[in-house]
Amino acid sequence: MGRSFANLHIKSGDLEKTLHALQQLTKKHGAVLGYSDPEAPEHKAVIYVSQSNEYWISVLHDYFVWGTVKKAGRTLSGLLEAPVMTAGYMDEELFELSFFEQGELRAERIFCEPWTREEYGQLREEQIDNDYIRQVLGIGAEEFNEFTSLTSPERAVEQLSGITGMTLWSDAEWLPYEETLRARFVAYEW
């Protein structure tokens, strides 16, 4: 079993608006974060946030894994007026990249070897819209074609990290062990 992570990123420079939406997410839609009763007095939701650069805000949470991060991203995108990108990397075998806006899946890409698609039951993208992905990432056709032709999940993460100007190698589980992550992310409790 290899390395895995899941995180989400908001294409916005408005940290205040993003924090407000994250607070709404925890209070009104806690189920997508694994909370059965977010209003319970003993409950404190902890979300880790980093303003990665002027274009992207990154979010980590303990409940994010491949599969759950998409539900949180879809819901959060309905609370914001900005695209939300979710990233799920599983066991060094696949990297799933999904884009949401206004509560809807707009585009998706899965980076893996052909045998992995077969092993996971003919793994397929739910929505392919290359123009939307290019627009959100702000890249040209040639760079996009190079990126989407990758089958190595690790190389796709590395290339996307370079395109966005932020590292995607981050997960809430890693925070206690990686000083550079702890320095980048701030914990917010609601």
N, C-alpha and C. Protein backbone atom coordinates (compact mmCIF):
# COMPACT_ATOMS: atom_id res chain seq x y z
N MET A 1 0.84 -1.18 0.00
CA MET A 1 0.00 0.00 0.00
C MET A 1 0.89 1.24 0.00
N GLY A 2 0.62 2.17 -0.89
CA GLY A 2 1.45 3.34 -1.05
C GLY A 2 0.89 4.57 -0.37
N ARG A 3 1.44 5.67 -0.71
CA ARG A 3 1.06 6.96 -0.14
C ARG A 3 -0.28 7.43 -0.72
N SER A 4 -1.12 8.01 0.14
CA SER A 4 -2.43 8.53 -0.29
C SER A 4 -2.66 9.90 0.32
N PHE A 5 -3.44 10.72 -0.37
CA PHE A 5 -3.86 12.01 0.19
C PHE A 5 -5.16 12.45 -0.46
N ALA A 6 -5.82 13.40 0.19
CA ALA A 6 -7.00 14.03 -0.38
C ALA A 6 -7.08 15.44 0.17
N ASN A 7 -7.37 16.39 -0.72
CA ASN A 7 -7.47 17.79 -0.31
C ASN A 7 -8.36 18.52 -1.31
N LEU A 8 -8.70 19.75 -0.97
CA LEU A 8 -9.46 20.55 -1.92
C LEU A 8 -8.88 21.95 -1.98
N HIS A 9 -9.17 22.62 -3.10
CA HIS A 9 -8.59 23.94 -3.37
C HIS A 9 -9.65 24.82 -4.00
N ILE A 10 -9.73 26.04 -3.52
CA ILE A 10 -10.69 27.00 -4.04
C ILE A 10 -9.92 28.00 -4.88
N LYS A 11 -10.38 28.25 -6.10
CA LYS A 11 -9.71 29.24 -6.94
C LYS A 11 -10.26 30.61 -6.55
N SER A 12 -9.60 31.21 -5.59
CA SER A 12 -10.01 32.49 -5.05
C SER A 12 -8.86 33.08 -4.25
N GLY A 13 -8.84 34.37 -4.19
CA GLY A 13 -7.89 35.06 -3.32
C GLY A 13 -8.60 35.65 -2.11
N ASP A 14 -9.92 35.41 -2.00
CA ASP A 14 -10.73 35.98 -0.93
C ASP A 14 -10.82 35.01 0.25
N LEU A 15 -9.85 35.09 1.14
CA LEU A 15 -9.78 34.19 2.29
C LEU A 15 -10.99 34.37 3.20
N GLU A 16 -11.41 35.59 3.43
CA GLU A 16 -12.55 35.87 4.32
C GLU A 16 -13.82 35.18 3.83
N LYS A 17 -14.12 35.31 2.56
CA LYS A 17 -15.32 34.69 1.97
C LYS A 17 -15.21 33.16 2.04
N THR A 18 -14.02 32.64 1.80
CA THR A 18 -13.80 31.20 1.85
C THR A 18 -14.00 30.67 3.27
N LEU A 19 -13.46 31.38 4.26
CA LEU A 19 -13.63 30.95 5.65
C LEU A 19 -15.11 30.95 6.05
N HIS A 20 -15.85 31.94 5.59
CA HIS A 20 -17.28 31.99 5.87
C HIS A 20 -17.98 30.78 5.26
N ALA A 21 -17.66 30.44 4.02
CA ALA A 21 -18.26 29.28 3.36
C ALA A 21 -17.87 27.98 4.07
N LEU A 22 -16.63 27.87 4.52
CA LEU A 22 -16.20 26.68 5.25
C LEU A 22 -16.95 26.55 6.58
N GLN A 23 -17.19 27.67 7.23
CA GLN A 23 -17.96 27.65 8.48
C GLN A 23 -19.39 27.18 8.20
N GLN A 24 -19.99 27.66 7.12
CA GLN A 24 -21.32 27.20 6.72
C GLN A 24 -21.31 25.71 6.41
N LEU A 25 -20.26 25.26 5.76
CA LEU A 25 -20.14 23.85 5.42
C LEU A 25 -20.16 23.00 6.69
N THR A 26 -19.41 23.40 7.69
CA THR A 26 -19.35 22.61 8.92
C THR A 26 -20.66 22.68 9.71
N LYS A 27 -21.30 23.81 9.71
CA LYS A 27 -22.52 23.99 10.52
C LYS A 27 -23.78 23.45 9.85
N LYS A 28 -23.89 23.59 8.53
CA LYS A 28 -25.13 23.22 7.84
C LYS A 28 -25.01 21.94 7.00
N HIS A 29 -23.79 21.55 6.69
CA HIS A 29 -23.59 20.38 5.82
C HIS A 29 -22.53 19.45 6.40
N GLY A 30 -22.52 19.32 7.71
CA GLY A 30 -21.49 18.55 8.40
C GLY A 30 -21.38 17.10 7.98
N ALA A 31 -22.45 16.55 7.42
CA ALA A 31 -22.41 15.14 7.00
C ALA A 31 -21.34 14.90 5.94
N VAL A 32 -21.06 15.88 5.07
CA VAL A 32 -20.03 15.69 4.04
C VAL A 32 -18.63 15.71 4.65
N LEU A 33 -18.55 16.09 5.92
CA LEU A 33 -17.27 16.07 6.65
C LEU A 33 -17.23 14.95 7.68
N GLY A 34 -18.26 14.09 7.65
CA GLY A 34 -18.29 12.95 8.56
C GLY A 34 -18.91 13.22 9.90
N TYR A 35 -19.56 14.38 10.08
CA TYR A 35 -20.17 14.72 11.35
C TYR A 35 -21.65 14.34 11.31
N SER A 36 -22.06 13.51 12.26
CA SER A 36 -23.46 13.11 12.28
C SER A 36 -24.33 14.22 12.89
N ASP A 37 -23.78 14.96 13.85
CA ASP A 37 -24.55 16.04 14.48
C ASP A 37 -23.64 17.23 14.74
N PRO A 38 -23.47 18.10 13.72
CA PRO A 38 -22.54 19.22 13.88
C PRO A 38 -22.99 20.25 14.91
N GLU A 39 -24.24 20.19 15.35
CA GLU A 39 -24.73 21.16 16.34
C GLU A 39 -24.52 20.69 17.77
N ALA A 40 -24.05 19.46 17.98
CA ALA A 40 -23.84 18.94 19.33
C ALA A 40 -22.82 19.79 20.07
N PRO A 41 -23.08 20.12 21.34
CA PRO A 41 -22.19 21.01 22.10
C PRO A 41 -20.74 20.51 22.21
N GLU A 42 -20.53 19.19 22.26
CA GLU A 42 -19.17 18.67 22.39
C GLU A 42 -18.42 18.65 21.06
N HIS A 43 -19.11 19.02 20.02
CA HIS A 43 -18.54 18.96 18.68
C HIS A 43 -17.79 20.25 18.31
N LYS A 44 -16.57 20.11 17.87
CA LYS A 44 -15.79 21.22 17.31
C LYS A 44 -15.22 20.75 15.99
N ALA A 45 -15.63 21.38 14.92
CA ALA A 45 -15.10 21.05 13.60
C ALA A 45 -13.77 21.75 13.42
N VAL A 46 -12.76 21.02 12.98
CA VAL A 46 -11.44 21.59 12.72
C VAL A 46 -11.12 21.43 11.24
N ILE A 47 -10.87 22.56 10.59
CA ILE A 47 -10.51 22.57 9.18
C ILE A 47 -9.19 23.33 9.05
N TYR A 48 -8.28 22.82 8.25
CA TYR A 48 -6.97 23.45 8.06
C TYR A 48 -6.97 24.17 6.72
N VAL A 49 -6.57 25.44 6.76
CA VAL A 49 -6.65 26.30 5.58
C VAL A 49 -5.30 26.98 5.33
N SER A 50 -4.95 27.07 4.06
CA SER A 50 -3.74 27.77 3.65
C SER A 50 -4.04 28.62 2.43
N GLN A 51 -3.69 29.88 2.49
CA GLN A 51 -3.79 30.71 1.29
C GLN A 51 -2.50 30.44 0.52
N SER A 52 -2.57 29.42 -0.34
CA SER A 52 -1.39 28.91 -1.03
C SER A 52 -0.70 29.97 -1.86
N ASN A 53 -1.49 30.78 -2.56
CA ASN A 53 -0.96 31.89 -3.34
C ASN A 53 -2.12 32.84 -3.63
N GLU A 54 -1.92 33.82 -4.46
CA GLU A 54 -2.98 34.81 -4.69
C GLU A 54 -4.17 34.25 -5.47
N TYR A 55 -4.02 33.04 -6.04
CA TYR A 55 -5.09 32.46 -6.84
C TYR A 55 -5.81 31.28 -6.18
N TRP A 56 -5.16 30.62 -5.21
CA TRP A 56 -5.68 29.38 -4.66
C TRP A 56 -5.64 29.37 -3.14
N ILE A 57 -6.70 28.81 -2.55
CA ILE A 57 -6.78 28.58 -1.12
C ILE A 57 -6.94 27.07 -0.94
N SER A 58 -6.09 26.47 -0.14
CA SER A 58 -6.09 25.02 0.06
C SER A 58 -6.75 24.66 1.38
N VAL A 59 -7.43 23.50 1.39
CA VAL A 59 -8.17 23.06 2.58
C VAL A 59 -7.87 21.58 2.84
N LEU A 60 -7.60 21.29 4.12
CA LEU A 60 -7.40 19.91 4.57
C LEU A 60 -8.41 19.61 5.67
N HIS A 61 -8.82 18.35 5.76
CA HIS A 61 -9.71 17.92 6.83
C HIS A 61 -9.48 16.43 7.07
N ASP A 62 -9.65 15.99 8.30
CA ASP A 62 -9.40 14.59 8.65
C ASP A 62 -10.27 13.60 7.88
N TYR A 63 -11.45 14.01 7.46
CA TYR A 63 -12.39 13.12 6.79
C TYR A 63 -12.11 12.98 5.29
N PHE A 64 -11.27 13.84 4.74
CA PHE A 64 -10.99 13.80 3.31
C PHE A 64 -10.15 12.56 2.97
N VAL A 65 -10.71 11.73 2.12
CA VAL A 65 -10.00 10.62 1.49
C VAL A 65 -10.53 10.54 0.07
N TRP A 66 -9.94 9.67 -0.74
CA TRP A 66 -10.45 9.49 -2.09
C TRP A 66 -11.92 9.06 -1.97
N GLY A 67 -12.80 9.80 -2.59
CA GLY A 67 -14.23 9.53 -2.51
C GLY A 67 -14.97 10.56 -1.68
N THR A 68 -14.56 10.78 -0.43
CA THR A 68 -15.27 11.74 0.42
C THR A 68 -14.95 13.18 0.06
N VAL A 69 -13.76 13.45 -0.41
CA VAL A 69 -13.36 14.83 -0.71
C VAL A 69 -14.23 15.41 -1.84
N LYS A 70 -14.68 14.57 -2.75
CA LYS A 70 -15.53 15.05 -3.85
C LYS A 70 -16.87 15.56 -3.32
N LYS A 71 -17.46 14.86 -2.35
CA LYS A 71 -18.73 15.29 -1.77
C LYS A 71 -18.58 16.65 -1.08
N ALA A 72 -17.49 16.82 -0.35
CA ALA A 72 -17.24 18.09 0.32
C ALA A 72 -17.02 19.20 -0.71
N GLY A 73 -16.27 18.90 -1.77
CA GLY A 73 -16.00 19.90 -2.82
C GLY A 73 -17.25 20.33 -3.54
N ARG A 74 -18.12 19.37 -3.85
CA ARG A 74 -19.38 19.68 -4.53
C ARG A 74 -20.23 20.60 -3.64
N THR A 75 -20.36 20.25 -2.37
CA THR A 75 -21.18 21.04 -1.45
C THR A 75 -20.59 22.42 -1.24
N LEU A 76 -19.28 22.49 -1.03
CA LEU A 76 -18.62 23.78 -0.82
C LEU A 76 -18.78 24.68 -2.04
N SER A 77 -18.72 24.11 -3.22
CA SER A 77 -18.85 24.94 -4.44
C SER A 77 -20.23 25.59 -4.53
N GLY A 78 -21.22 24.99 -3.91
CA GLY A 78 -22.55 25.59 -3.88
C GLY A 78 -22.65 26.75 -2.91
N LEU A 79 -21.67 26.87 -2.02
CA LEU A 79 -21.66 27.95 -1.04
C LEU A 79 -20.76 29.11 -1.46
N LEU A 80 -20.02 28.92 -2.53
CA LEU A 80 -19.06 29.92 -3.01
C LEU A 80 -19.37 30.31 -4.45
N GLU A 81 -18.84 31.43 -4.85
CA GLU A 81 -18.93 31.84 -6.26
C GLU A 81 -17.57 31.67 -6.92
N ALA A 82 -16.97 30.50 -6.68
CA ALA A 82 -15.64 30.22 -7.21
C ALA A 82 -15.52 28.73 -7.49
N PRO A 83 -14.68 28.36 -8.45
CA PRO A 83 -14.44 26.94 -8.71
C PRO A 83 -13.74 26.27 -7.54
N VAL A 84 -14.11 25.02 -7.30
CA VAL A 84 -13.48 24.20 -6.27
C VAL A 84 -12.89 22.98 -6.97
N MET A 85 -11.61 22.73 -6.69
CA MET A 85 -10.91 21.59 -7.26
C MET A 85 -10.62 20.60 -6.13
N THR A 86 -11.01 19.34 -6.32
CA THR A 86 -10.66 18.32 -5.33
C THR A 86 -9.61 17.40 -5.92
N ALA A 87 -8.73 16.92 -5.04
CA ALA A 87 -7.66 16.02 -5.46
C ALA A 87 -7.66 14.81 -4.54
N GLY A 88 -7.71 13.64 -5.14
CA GLY A 88 -7.62 12.40 -4.39
C GLY A 88 -6.57 11.50 -5.01
N TYR A 89 -5.60 11.13 -4.22
CA TYR A 89 -4.47 10.31 -4.67
C TYR A 89 -4.48 9.05 -3.83
N MET A 90 -4.57 7.89 -4.47
CA MET A 90 -4.71 6.66 -3.71
C MET A 90 -3.63 5.64 -4.04
N ASP A 91 -2.91 5.26 -3.01
CA ASP A 91 -1.93 4.18 -3.07
C ASP A 91 -0.98 4.25 -4.24
N GLU A 92 -0.65 5.45 -4.68
CA GLU A 92 0.25 5.67 -5.80
C GLU A 92 -0.25 5.04 -7.09
N GLU A 93 -1.54 4.64 -7.11
CA GLU A 93 -2.11 3.99 -8.29
C GLU A 93 -2.99 4.91 -9.11
N LEU A 94 -3.64 5.89 -8.44
CA LEU A 94 -4.50 6.78 -9.20
C LEU A 94 -4.57 8.15 -8.56
N PHE A 95 -4.79 9.12 -9.42
CA PHE A 95 -4.95 10.51 -9.02
C PHE A 95 -6.21 11.02 -9.69
N GLU A 96 -7.22 11.34 -8.88
CA GLU A 96 -8.50 11.83 -9.40
C GLU A 96 -8.60 13.32 -9.11
N LEU A 97 -8.86 14.06 -10.15
CA LEU A 97 -8.94 15.51 -10.08
C LEU A 97 -10.34 15.91 -10.54
N SER A 98 -11.10 16.59 -9.67
CA SER A 98 -12.47 16.97 -9.99
C SER A 98 -12.66 18.46 -9.78
N PHE A 99 -13.48 19.06 -10.64
CA PHE A 99 -13.76 20.50 -10.58
C PHE A 99 -15.25 20.71 -10.42
N PHE A 100 -15.62 21.55 -9.44
CA PHE A 100 -17.02 21.84 -9.16
C PHE A 100 -17.27 23.33 -9.19
N GLU A 101 -18.47 23.69 -9.58
CA GLU A 101 -18.89 25.09 -9.55
C GLU A 101 -20.40 25.11 -9.35
N GLN A 102 -20.84 25.95 -8.45
CA GLN A 102 -22.27 26.11 -8.13
C GLN A 102 -22.93 24.77 -7.81
N GLY A 103 -22.23 23.93 -7.07
CA GLY A 103 -22.78 22.66 -6.63
C GLY A 103 -22.81 21.56 -7.66
N GLU A 104 -22.20 21.79 -8.81
CA GLU A 104 -22.23 20.81 -9.90
C GLU A 104 -20.82 20.40 -10.32
N LEU A 105 -20.68 19.11 -10.65
CA LEU A 105 -19.42 18.63 -11.22
C LEU A 105 -19.29 19.20 -12.62
N ARG A 106 -18.22 19.95 -12.86
CA ARG A 106 -18.01 20.56 -14.18
C ARG A 106 -17.03 19.77 -15.03
N ALA A 107 -16.04 19.14 -14.37
CA ALA A 107 -15.03 18.40 -15.14
C ALA A 107 -14.26 17.48 -14.20
N GLU A 108 -13.70 16.44 -14.81
CA GLU A 108 -12.95 15.48 -14.01
C GLU A 108 -11.89 14.82 -14.88
N ARG A 109 -10.79 14.47 -14.25
CA ARG A 109 -9.71 13.73 -14.92
C ARG A 109 -9.18 12.70 -13.93
N ILE A 110 -8.91 11.50 -14.41
CA ILE A 110 -8.31 10.45 -13.60
C ILE A 110 -7.00 10.06 -14.27
N PHE A 111 -5.94 10.13 -13.52
CA PHE A 111 -4.61 9.79 -14.01
C PHE A 111 -4.21 8.45 -13.41
N CYS A 112 -4.04 7.45 -14.28
CA CYS A 112 -3.61 6.13 -13.83
C CYS A 112 -3.21 5.31 -15.04
N GLU A 113 -2.58 4.21 -14.76
CA GLU A 113 -2.21 3.28 -15.83
C GLU A 113 -3.46 2.52 -16.29
N PRO A 114 -3.48 2.04 -17.53
CA PRO A 114 -4.66 1.32 -18.04
C PRO A 114 -5.07 0.13 -17.16
N TRP A 115 -4.11 -0.60 -16.61
CA TRP A 115 -4.45 -1.76 -15.77
C TRP A 115 -5.19 -1.32 -14.51
N THR A 116 -4.91 -0.11 -14.01
CA THR A 116 -5.59 0.37 -12.82
C THR A 116 -7.06 0.64 -13.12
N ARG A 117 -7.35 1.21 -14.28
CA ARG A 117 -8.75 1.43 -14.67
C ARG A 117 -9.53 0.13 -14.69
N GLU A 118 -8.91 -0.90 -15.22
CA GLU A 118 -9.57 -2.21 -15.28
C GLU A 118 -9.74 -2.80 -13.88
N GLU A 119 -8.70 -2.69 -13.07
CA GLU A 119 -8.73 -3.24 -11.72
C GLU A 119 -9.84 -2.61 -10.87
N TYR A 120 -10.09 -1.32 -11.06
CA TYR A 120 -11.12 -0.62 -10.30
C TYR A 120 -12.48 -0.67 -11.00
N GLY A 121 -12.68 -1.62 -11.87
CA GLY A 121 -13.98 -1.80 -12.52
C GLY A 121 -14.26 -0.79 -13.61
N GLN A 122 -13.37 -0.72 -14.57
CA GLN A 122 -13.55 0.21 -15.69
C GLN A 122 -13.71 1.66 -15.20
N LEU A 123 -12.84 2.09 -14.37
CA LEU A 123 -12.82 3.44 -13.80
C LEU A 123 -12.90 4.49 -14.92
N ARG A 124 -13.89 5.37 -14.84
CA ARG A 124 -14.10 6.39 -15.87
C ARG A 124 -14.43 7.73 -15.23
N GLU A 125 -14.10 8.79 -15.96
CA GLU A 125 -14.45 10.13 -15.53
C GLU A 125 -15.96 10.33 -15.67
N GLU A 126 -16.56 11.03 -14.69
CA GLU A 126 -18.00 11.31 -14.75
C GLU A 126 -18.32 12.42 -15.75
N GLN A 127 -17.43 13.40 -15.84
CA GLN A 127 -17.69 14.57 -16.70
C GLN A 127 -16.36 15.06 -17.27
N ILE A 128 -16.24 15.02 -18.57
CA ILE A 128 -15.01 15.50 -19.21
C ILE A 128 -15.32 16.82 -19.91
N ASP A 129 -14.63 17.87 -19.50
CA ASP A 129 -14.77 19.18 -20.14
C ASP A 129 -13.39 19.83 -20.10
N ASN A 130 -12.59 19.49 -21.09
CA ASN A 130 -11.20 19.96 -21.12
C ASN A 130 -11.09 21.48 -21.16
N ASP A 131 -12.01 22.15 -21.88
CA ASP A 131 -11.96 23.61 -21.94
C ASP A 131 -12.16 24.23 -20.56
N TYR A 132 -13.05 23.66 -19.77
CA TYR A 132 -13.29 24.18 -18.42
C TYR A 132 -12.03 24.01 -17.57
N ILE A 133 -11.42 22.84 -17.61
CA ILE A 133 -10.21 22.59 -16.82
C ILE A 133 -9.10 23.56 -17.24
N ARG A 134 -8.90 23.72 -18.54
CA ARG A 134 -7.87 24.65 -19.04
C ARG A 134 -8.14 26.07 -18.54
N GLN A 135 -9.40 26.48 -18.57
CA GLN A 135 -9.78 27.83 -18.13
C GLN A 135 -9.49 28.01 -16.64
N VAL A 136 -9.90 27.06 -15.81
CA VAL A 136 -9.68 27.17 -14.36
C VAL A 136 -8.18 27.18 -14.05
N LEU A 137 -7.43 26.31 -14.72
CA LEU A 137 -5.99 26.23 -14.46
C LEU A 137 -5.21 27.35 -15.15
N GLY A 138 -5.83 28.01 -16.12
CA GLY A 138 -5.17 29.11 -16.82
C GLY A 138 -3.97 28.67 -17.64
N ILE A 139 -4.12 27.56 -18.38
CA ILE A 139 -3.00 27.06 -19.19
C ILE A 139 -3.41 26.94 -20.65
N GLY A 140 -2.42 26.92 -21.50
CA GLY A 140 -2.64 26.81 -22.93
C GLY A 140 -2.86 25.37 -23.36
N ALA A 141 -3.24 25.22 -24.62
CA ALA A 141 -3.60 23.90 -25.16
C ALA A 141 -2.41 22.93 -25.13
N GLU A 142 -1.23 23.41 -25.47
CA GLU A 142 -0.07 22.52 -25.53
C GLU A 142 0.28 21.99 -24.13
N GLU A 143 0.33 22.88 -23.16
CA GLU A 143 0.64 22.47 -21.78
C GLU A 143 -0.45 21.55 -21.24
N PHE A 144 -1.71 21.85 -21.57
CA PHE A 144 -2.82 21.02 -21.13
C PHE A 144 -2.72 19.61 -21.74
N ASN A 145 -2.44 19.54 -23.02
CA ASN A 145 -2.32 18.23 -23.69
C ASN A 145 -1.19 17.41 -23.08
N GLU A 146 -0.08 18.07 -22.77
CA GLU A 146 1.03 17.37 -22.12
C GLU A 146 0.60 16.83 -20.76
N PHE A 147 -0.10 17.67 -20.01
CA PHE A 147 -0.57 17.30 -18.68
C PHE A 147 -1.55 16.13 -18.75
N THR A 148 -2.55 16.22 -19.59
CA THR A 148 -3.59 15.19 -19.63
C THR A 148 -3.14 13.89 -20.29
N SER A 149 -2.01 13.90 -20.96
CA SER A 149 -1.50 12.66 -21.56
C SER A 149 -0.75 11.80 -20.53
N LEU A 150 -0.52 12.33 -19.35
CA LEU A 150 0.21 11.58 -18.32
C LEU A 150 -0.62 10.41 -17.81
N THR A 151 0.04 9.28 -17.58
CA THR A 151 -0.62 8.14 -16.95
C THR A 151 -0.05 7.86 -15.56
N SER A 152 1.06 8.48 -15.24
CA SER A 152 1.66 8.32 -13.91
C SER A 152 0.98 9.28 -12.94
N PRO A 153 0.29 8.78 -11.92
CA PRO A 153 -0.35 9.66 -10.94
C PRO A 153 0.65 10.61 -10.27
N GLU A 154 1.82 10.10 -9.93
CA GLU A 154 2.82 10.93 -9.28
C GLU A 154 3.27 12.09 -10.17
N ARG A 155 3.54 11.79 -11.43
CA ARG A 155 3.96 12.85 -12.37
C ARG A 155 2.85 13.86 -12.59
N ALA A 156 1.58 13.41 -12.61
CA ALA A 156 0.45 14.31 -12.79
C ALA A 156 0.34 15.27 -11.60
N VAL A 157 0.54 14.76 -10.39
CA VAL A 157 0.50 15.61 -9.20
C VAL A 157 1.62 16.63 -9.26
N GLU A 158 2.81 16.19 -9.61
CA GLU A 158 3.95 17.10 -9.70
C GLU A 158 3.72 18.19 -10.75
N GLN A 159 3.23 17.80 -11.91
CA GLN A 159 3.01 18.78 -12.98
C GLN A 159 1.90 19.76 -12.59
N LEU A 160 0.81 19.26 -11.99
CA LEU A 160 -0.26 20.15 -11.57
C LEU A 160 0.19 21.09 -10.46
N SER A 161 1.04 20.61 -9.58
CA SER A 161 1.60 21.48 -8.54
C SER A 161 2.35 22.64 -9.18
N GLY A 162 3.10 22.36 -10.23
CA GLY A 162 3.82 23.42 -10.95
C GLY A 162 2.88 24.37 -11.66
N ILE A 163 1.83 23.84 -12.27
CA ILE A 163 0.86 24.67 -13.00
C ILE A 163 0.15 25.63 -12.05
N THR A 164 -0.27 25.13 -10.89
CA THR A 164 -1.04 25.95 -9.94
C THR A 164 -0.17 26.79 -9.02
N GLY A 165 1.11 26.46 -8.95
CA GLY A 165 2.01 27.20 -8.06
C GLY A 165 1.82 26.85 -6.59
N MET A 166 1.31 25.65 -6.33
CA MET A 166 1.15 25.19 -4.94
C MET A 166 1.39 23.69 -4.91
N THR A 167 1.78 23.20 -3.76
CA THR A 167 1.99 21.76 -3.67
C THR A 167 0.67 21.07 -3.35
N LEU A 168 0.40 20.01 -4.08
CA LEU A 168 -0.79 19.21 -3.81
C LEU A 168 -0.49 18.07 -2.85
N TRP A 169 0.79 17.84 -2.58
CA TRP A 169 1.18 16.78 -1.65
C TRP A 169 0.87 17.23 -0.23
N SER A 170 -0.39 17.10 0.18
CA SER A 170 -0.77 17.49 1.54
C SER A 170 -2.01 16.74 1.97
N ASP A 171 -2.06 16.42 3.23
CA ASP A 171 -3.19 15.70 3.81
C ASP A 171 -3.22 16.02 5.30
N ALA A 172 -4.41 16.09 5.87
CA ALA A 172 -4.55 16.41 7.29
C ALA A 172 -3.80 15.41 8.17
N GLU A 173 -3.75 14.14 7.75
CA GLU A 173 -3.04 13.13 8.53
C GLU A 173 -1.54 13.40 8.62
N TRP A 174 -1.00 14.12 7.67
CA TRP A 174 0.43 14.38 7.65
C TRP A 174 0.84 15.55 8.54
N LEU A 175 -0.11 16.39 8.92
CA LEU A 175 0.21 17.62 9.68
C LEU A 175 1.06 17.37 10.92
N PRO A 176 0.77 16.38 11.75
CA PRO A 176 1.60 16.19 12.94
C PRO A 176 3.05 15.81 12.64
N TYR A 177 3.30 15.30 11.44
CA TYR A 177 4.62 14.76 11.11
C TYR A 177 5.44 15.63 10.17
N GLU A 178 4.81 16.58 9.51
CA GLU A 178 5.53 17.38 8.52
C GLU A 178 5.49 18.86 8.89
N GLU A 179 6.63 19.35 9.33
CA GLU A 179 6.75 20.72 9.79
C GLU A 179 6.39 21.75 8.72
N THR A 180 6.76 21.49 7.48
CA THR A 180 6.46 22.46 6.42
C THR A 180 4.95 22.60 6.21
N LEU A 181 4.21 21.51 6.36
CA LEU A 181 2.75 21.59 6.25
C LEU A 181 2.17 22.37 7.43
N ARG A 182 2.62 22.07 8.63
CA ARG A 182 2.13 22.79 9.82
C ARG A 182 2.38 24.28 9.69
N ALA A 183 3.49 24.66 9.08
CA ALA A 183 3.81 26.09 8.92
C ALA A 183 2.88 26.75 7.90
N ARG A 184 2.40 26.01 6.92
CA ARG A 184 1.55 26.57 5.86
C ARG A 184 0.07 26.66 6.24
N PHE A 185 -0.41 25.69 7.01
CA PHE A 185 -1.84 25.58 7.29
C PHE A 185 -2.19 26.13 8.67
N VAL A 186 -3.32 26.82 8.73
CA VAL A 186 -3.87 27.36 9.98
C VAL A 186 -5.12 26.56 10.31
N ALA A 187 -5.25 26.14 11.58
CA ALA A 187 -6.43 25.41 12.01
C ALA A 187 -7.54 26.38 12.37
N TYR A 188 -8.74 26.13 11.84
CA TYR A 188 -9.93 26.91 12.19
C TYR A 188 -10.92 25.96 12.83
N GLU A 189 -11.48 26.37 13.97
CA GLU A 189 -12.45 25.55 14.69
C GLU A 189 -13.79 26.26 14.73
N TRP A 190 -14.83 25.51 14.40
CA TRP A 190 -16.18 26.07 14.48
C TRP A 190 -17.07 25.11 15.25
